[in-house]
C-alpha atoms as a PDB file:
ATOM      1  CA  UNK A   1     230.291  12.416 125.980  1.00  0.00           C
ATOM      2  CA  UNK A   2     227.013  12.148 127.791  1.00  0.00           C
ATOM      3  CA  UNK A   3     226.724  15.884 127.942  1.00  0.00           C
ATOM      4  CA  UNK A   4     226.984  16.140 124.157  1.00  0.00           C
ATOM      5  CA  UNK A   5     223.401  14.841 124.067  1.00  0.00           C
ATOM      6  CA  UNK A   6     222.395  17.501 126.568  1.00  0.00           C
ATOM      7  CA  UNK A   7     224.156  20.078 124.423  1.00  0.00           C
ATOM      8  CA  UNK A   8     222.002  19.337 121.453  1.00  0.00           C
ATOM      9  CA  UNK A   9     218.777  19.154 123.415  1.00  0.00           C
ATOM     10  CA  UNK A  10     219.601  22.626 124.642  1.00  0.00           C
ATOM     11  CA  UNK A  11     220.393  23.667 121.101  1.00  0.00           C
ATOM     12  CA  UNK A  12     217.035  22.622 119.770  1.00  0.00           C
ATOM     13  CA  UNK A  13     215.606  25.508 121.772  1.00  0.00           C
ATOM     14  CA  UNK A  14     218.506  27.946 121.621  1.00  0.00           C
ATOM     15  CA  UNK A  15     219.893  27.351 118.122  1.00  0.00           C
ATOM     16  CA  UNK A  16     218.561  30.534 116.503  1.00  0.00           C
ATOM     17  CA  UNK A  17     220.509  32.741 118.896  1.00  0.00           C
ATOM     18  CA  UNK A  18     223.564  30.503 118.631  1.00  0.00           C
ATOM     19  CA  UNK A  19     223.699  30.868 114.876  1.00  0.00           C
ATOM     20  CA  UNK A  20     224.349  34.599 115.064  1.00  0.00           C
ATOM     21  CA  UNK A  21     227.618  35.451 113.366  1.00  0.00           C
ATOM     22  CA  UNK A  22     228.875  37.218 116.452  1.00  0.00           C
ATOM     23  CA  UNK A  23     228.245  36.176 120.006  1.00  0.00           C
ATOM     24  CA  UNK A  24     226.875  39.423 121.439  1.00  0.00           C
ATOM     25  CA  UNK A  25     226.268  38.475 125.023  1.00  0.00           C
ATOM     26  CA  UNK A  26     227.573  35.965 127.510  1.00  0.00           C
ATOM     27  CA  UNK A  27     225.849  32.675 126.871  1.00  0.00           C
ATOM     28  CA  UNK A  28     226.510  29.181 128.007  1.00  0.00           C
ATOM     29  CA  UNK A  29     229.404  27.597 126.179  1.00  0.00           C
ATOM     30  CA  UNK A  30     227.242  24.749 124.883  1.00  0.00           C
ATOM     31  CA  UNK A  31     225.122  27.178 122.908  1.00  0.00           C
ATOM     32  CA  UNK A  32     228.223  28.957 121.655  1.00  0.00           C
ATOM     33  CA  UNK A  33     229.667  25.604 120.602  1.00  0.00           C
ATOM     34  CA  UNK A  34     226.599  25.097 118.427  1.00  0.00           C
ATOM     35  CA  UNK A  35     227.267  28.445 116.806  1.00  0.00           C
ATOM     36  CA  UNK A  36     230.905  27.715 116.008  1.00  0.00           C
ATOM     37  CA  UNK A  37     229.929  24.309 114.578  1.00  0.00           C
ATOM     38  CA  UNK A  38     227.307  25.981 112.377  1.00  0.00           C
ATOM     39  CA  UNK A  39     229.894  28.570 111.322  1.00  0.00           C
ATOM     40  CA  UNK A  40     232.506  25.982 110.280  1.00  0.00           C
ATOM     41  CA  UNK A  41     230.306  23.314 108.766  1.00  0.00           C
ATOM     42  CA  UNK A  42     227.192  25.034 107.470  1.00  0.00           C
ATOM     43  CA  UNK A  43     225.364  22.024 108.942  1.00  0.00           C
ATOM     44  CA  UNK A  44     222.945  22.247 111.839  1.00  0.00           C
ATOM     45  CA  UNK A  45     224.734  21.066 114.990  1.00  0.00           C
ATOM     46  CA  UNK A  46     221.774  18.773 115.634  1.00  0.00           C
ATOM     47  CA  UNK A  47     223.026  16.638 112.731  1.00  0.00           C
ATOM     48  CA  UNK A  48     225.936  15.541 114.918  1.00  0.00           C
ATOM     49  CA  UNK A  49     223.739  14.249 117.730  1.00  0.00           C
ATOM     50  CA  UNK A  50     224.407  10.535 118.076  1.00  0.00           C
ATOM     51  CA  UNK A  51     226.925  10.473 115.232  1.00  0.00           C
ATOM     52  CA  UNK A  52     229.441   7.634 115.630  1.00  0.00           C
ATOM     53  CA  UNK A  53     230.769   6.617 119.022  1.00  0.00           C
ATOM     54  CA  UNK A  54     231.621  10.083 120.415  1.00  0.00           C
ATOM     55  CA  UNK A  55     229.328  12.730 118.898  1.00  0.00           C
ATOM     56  CA  UNK A  56     226.472  12.184 121.285  1.00  0.00           C
ATOM     57  CA  UNK A  57     225.677  10.645 124.639  1.00  0.00           C
ATOM     58  CA  UNK A  58     228.397   8.568 126.202  1.00  0.00           C
ATOM     59  CA  UNK A  59     231.566   7.979 124.318  1.00  0.00           C
ATOM     60  CA  UNK A  60     233.315   4.647 124.132  1.00  0.00           C
ATOM     61  CA  UNK A  61     235.250   2.419 121.790  1.00  0.00           C
ATOM     62  CA  UNK A  62     237.154   3.504 118.706  1.00  0.00           C
ATOM     63  CA  UNK A  63     235.969   6.566 116.792  1.00  0.00           C
ATOM     64  CA  UNK A  64     234.368   5.461 113.512  1.00  0.00           C
ATOM     65  CA  UNK A  65     235.734   8.111 111.161  1.00  0.00           C
ATOM     66  CA  UNK A  66     237.389  11.522 111.083  1.00  0.00           C
ATOM     67  CA  UNK A  67     234.179  13.276 112.145  1.00  0.00           C
ATOM     68  CA  UNK A  68     233.928  10.995 115.174  1.00  0.00           C
ATOM     69  CA  UNK A  69     237.624  11.657 115.922  1.00  0.00           C
ATOM     70  CA  UNK A  70     236.806  15.381 116.023  1.00  0.00           C
ATOM     71  CA  UNK A  71     234.225  14.696 118.737  1.00  0.00           C
ATOM     72  CA  UNK A  72     236.607  12.393 120.624  1.00  0.00           C
ATOM     73  CA  UNK A  73     239.314  15.071 120.668  1.00  0.00           C
ATOM     74  CA  UNK A  74     236.734  17.650 121.803  1.00  0.00           C
ATOM     75  CA  UNK A  75     235.848  15.384 124.744  1.00  0.00           C
ATOM     76  CA  UNK A  76     239.552  15.128 125.584  1.00  0.00           C
ATOM     77  CA  UNK A  77     239.982  18.887 125.362  1.00  0.00           C
ATOM     78  CA  UNK A  78     237.029  19.516 127.682  1.00  0.00           C
ATOM     79  CA  UNK A  79     238.469  16.928 130.081  1.00  0.00           C
ATOM     80  CA  UNK A  80     241.751  18.858 130.218  1.00  0.00           C
ATOM     81  CA  UNK A  81     239.921  22.126 130.825  1.00  0.00           C
ATOM     82  CA  UNK A  82     237.970  20.612 133.695  1.00  0.00           C
ATOM     83  CA  UNK A  83     241.218  19.354 135.273  1.00  0.00           C
ATOM     84  CA  UNK A  84     242.333  22.994 135.311  1.00  0.00           C
ATOM     85  CA  UNK A  85     239.218  23.977 137.249  1.00  0.00           C
ATOM     86  CA  UNK A  86     237.204  25.412 134.365  1.00  0.00           C
ATOM     87  CA  UNK A  87     233.554  24.570 133.811  1.00  0.00           C
ATOM     88  CA  UNK A  88     233.770  23.714 130.134  1.00  0.00           C
ATOM     89  CA  UNK A  89     230.054  23.360 129.549  1.00  0.00           C
ATOM     90  CA  UNK A  90     228.982  26.431 131.502  1.00  0.00           C
ATOM     91  CA  UNK A  91     231.675  28.962 130.685  1.00  0.00           C
ATOM     92  CA  UNK A  92     230.977  31.703 128.190  1.00  0.00           C
ATOM     93  CA  UNK A  93     233.068  33.437 125.571  1.00  0.00           C
ATOM     94  CA  UNK A  94     232.791  35.844 122.662  1.00  0.00           C
ATOM     95  CA  UNK A  95     233.624  34.815 119.118  1.00  0.00           C
ATOM     96  CA  UNK A  96     233.112  35.844 115.523  1.00  0.00           C
ATOM     97  CA  UNK A  97     232.537  33.956 112.287  1.00  0.00           C
ATOM     98  CA  UNK A  98     234.389  35.143 109.195  1.00  0.00           C
ATOM     99  CA  UNK A  99     234.458  33.162 105.951  1.00  0.00           C
ATOM    100  CA  UNK A 100     233.181  30.012 107.679  1.00  0.00           C
ATOM    101  CA  UNK A 101     235.969  30.205 110.259  1.00  0.00           C
ATOM    102  CA  UNK A 102     235.216  30.807 113.946  1.00  0.00           C
ATOM    103  CA  UNK A 103     237.604  33.166 115.736  1.00  0.00           C
ATOM    104  CA  UNK A 104     237.857  33.572 119.486  1.00  0.00           C
ATOM    105  CA  UNK A 105     237.731  37.231 120.498  1.00  0.00           C
ATOM    106  CA  UNK A 106     240.494  38.650 122.687  1.00  0.00           C
ATOM    107  CA  UNK A 107     239.558  37.017 125.961  1.00  0.00           C
ATOM    108  CA  UNK A 108     241.126  37.955 129.277  1.00  0.00           C
ATOM    109  CA  UNK A 109     239.791  35.019 131.282  1.00  0.00           C
ATOM    110  CA  UNK A 110     241.940  31.889 130.871  1.00  0.00           C
ATOM    111  CA  UNK A 111     238.960  29.503 131.123  1.00  0.00           C
ATOM    112  CA  UNK A 112     237.091  31.418 128.427  1.00  0.00           C
ATOM    113  CA  UNK A 113     240.153  31.200 126.163  1.00  0.00           C
ATOM    114  CA  UNK A 114     240.542  27.466 126.735  1.00  0.00           C
ATOM    115  CA  UNK A 115     236.864  26.684 126.165  1.00  0.00           C
ATOM    116  CA  UNK A 116     236.716  28.791 123.026  1.00  0.00           C
ATOM    117  CA  UNK A 117     239.860  27.146 121.635  1.00  0.00           C
ATOM    118  CA  UNK A 118     238.501  23.637 122.288  1.00  0.00           C
ATOM    119  CA  UNK A 119     235.244  24.518 120.567  1.00  0.00           C
ATOM    120  CA  UNK A 120     236.970  26.314 117.682  1.00  0.00           C
ATOM    121  CA  UNK A 121     239.355  23.422 117.010  1.00  0.00           C
ATOM    122  CA  UNK A 122     236.502  20.911 117.067  1.00  0.00           C
ATOM    123  CA  UNK A 123     234.338  23.026 114.778  1.00  0.00           C
ATOM    124  CA  UNK A 124     237.176  23.488 112.297  1.00  0.00           C
ATOM    125  CA  UNK A 125     237.877  19.749 112.426  1.00  0.00           C
ATOM    126  CA  UNK A 126     234.209  18.992 111.739  1.00  0.00           C
ATOM    127  CA  UNK A 127     234.266  21.493 108.883  1.00  0.00           C
ATOM    128  CA  UNK A 128     237.069  19.549 107.183  1.00  0.00           C
ATOM    129  CA  UNK A 129     235.842  16.036 107.979  1.00  0.00           C
ATOM    130  CA  UNK A 130     233.424  14.126 105.752  1.00  0.00           C
ATOM    131  CA  UNK A 131     229.929  13.578 107.126  1.00  0.00           C
ATOM    132  CA  UNK A 132     228.953   9.938 106.565  1.00  0.00           C
ATOM    133  CA  UNK A 133     225.214   9.385 106.937  1.00  0.00           C
ATOM    134  CA  UNK A 134     225.882   5.733 107.840  1.00  0.00           C
ATOM    135  CA  UNK A 135     227.223   6.915 111.213  1.00  0.00           C
ATOM    136  CA  UNK A 136     224.112   8.873 112.218  1.00  0.00           C
ATOM    137  CA  UNK A 137     222.539   7.476 115.401  1.00  0.00           C
ATOM    138  CA  UNK A 138     225.225   4.791 115.575  1.00  0.00           C
ATOM    139  CA  UNK A 139     224.307   2.336 118.397  1.00  0.00           C
ATOM    140  CA  UNK A 140     226.689   2.350 121.377  1.00  0.00           C
ATOM    141  CA  UNK A 141     226.687  -1.460 121.417  1.00  0.00           C
ATOM    142  CA  UNK A 142     228.841  -1.289 118.273  1.00  0.00           C
ATOM    143  CA  UNK A 143     231.366   0.920 120.060  1.00  0.00           C
ATOM    144  CA  UNK A 144     232.930  -1.798 122.153  1.00  0.00           C
ATOM    145  CA  UNK A 145     236.625  -1.720 121.211  1.00  0.00           C
ATOM    146  CA  UNK A 146     239.207  -0.292 123.593  1.00  0.00           C
ATOM    147  CA  UNK A 147     239.045   3.509 123.446  1.00  0.00           C
ATOM    148  CA  UNK A 148     242.018   5.576 122.312  1.00  0.00           C
ATOM    149  CA  UNK A 149     244.006   7.575 124.834  1.00  0.00           C
ATOM    150  CA  UNK A 150     243.564  11.323 125.024  1.00  0.00           C
ATOM    151  CA  UNK A 151     246.639  13.287 124.024  1.00  0.00           C
ATOM    152  CA  UNK A 152     247.244  16.765 125.351  1.00  0.00           C
ATOM    153  CA  UNK A 153     245.127  19.019 123.147  1.00  0.00           C
ATOM    154  CA  UNK A 154     245.373  22.419 124.825  1.00  0.00           C
ATOM    155  CA  UNK A 155     248.367  24.580 125.525  1.00  0.00           C
ATOM    156  CA  UNK A 156     249.024  26.781 128.500  1.00  0.00           C
END
């Protein structure tokens, strides 16, 4: 999840536009992901930078808790999208936030749909998962166990 770190560096500059309740123009998916996370959790997406073994740069070992599992599954979902030829981190999509729930707009492009669904599922997962401050900036050296296997997370 090396690009997760890049996501949040980008967000530190672009977060105000990402926090809009409706995505009003095509933006990079990473910025939109920040918006859907903010929508679901009410927490700044920057708070997830370096959380556990998967919410941040890299990604190895066993996820530490349910929040970390959300990030692991998001990595898996993006991996599946990329195998289908979509650029998960650069694609754009439109979405809305209603009652702390992100909703993907009616999207015609299959890659946009897939990216939005990966981001939406992760954001909803993070919204339900506890946030344990002990896992903030968790050192990768403590993420040395065998990693879990990705299960199919997206549907055609």
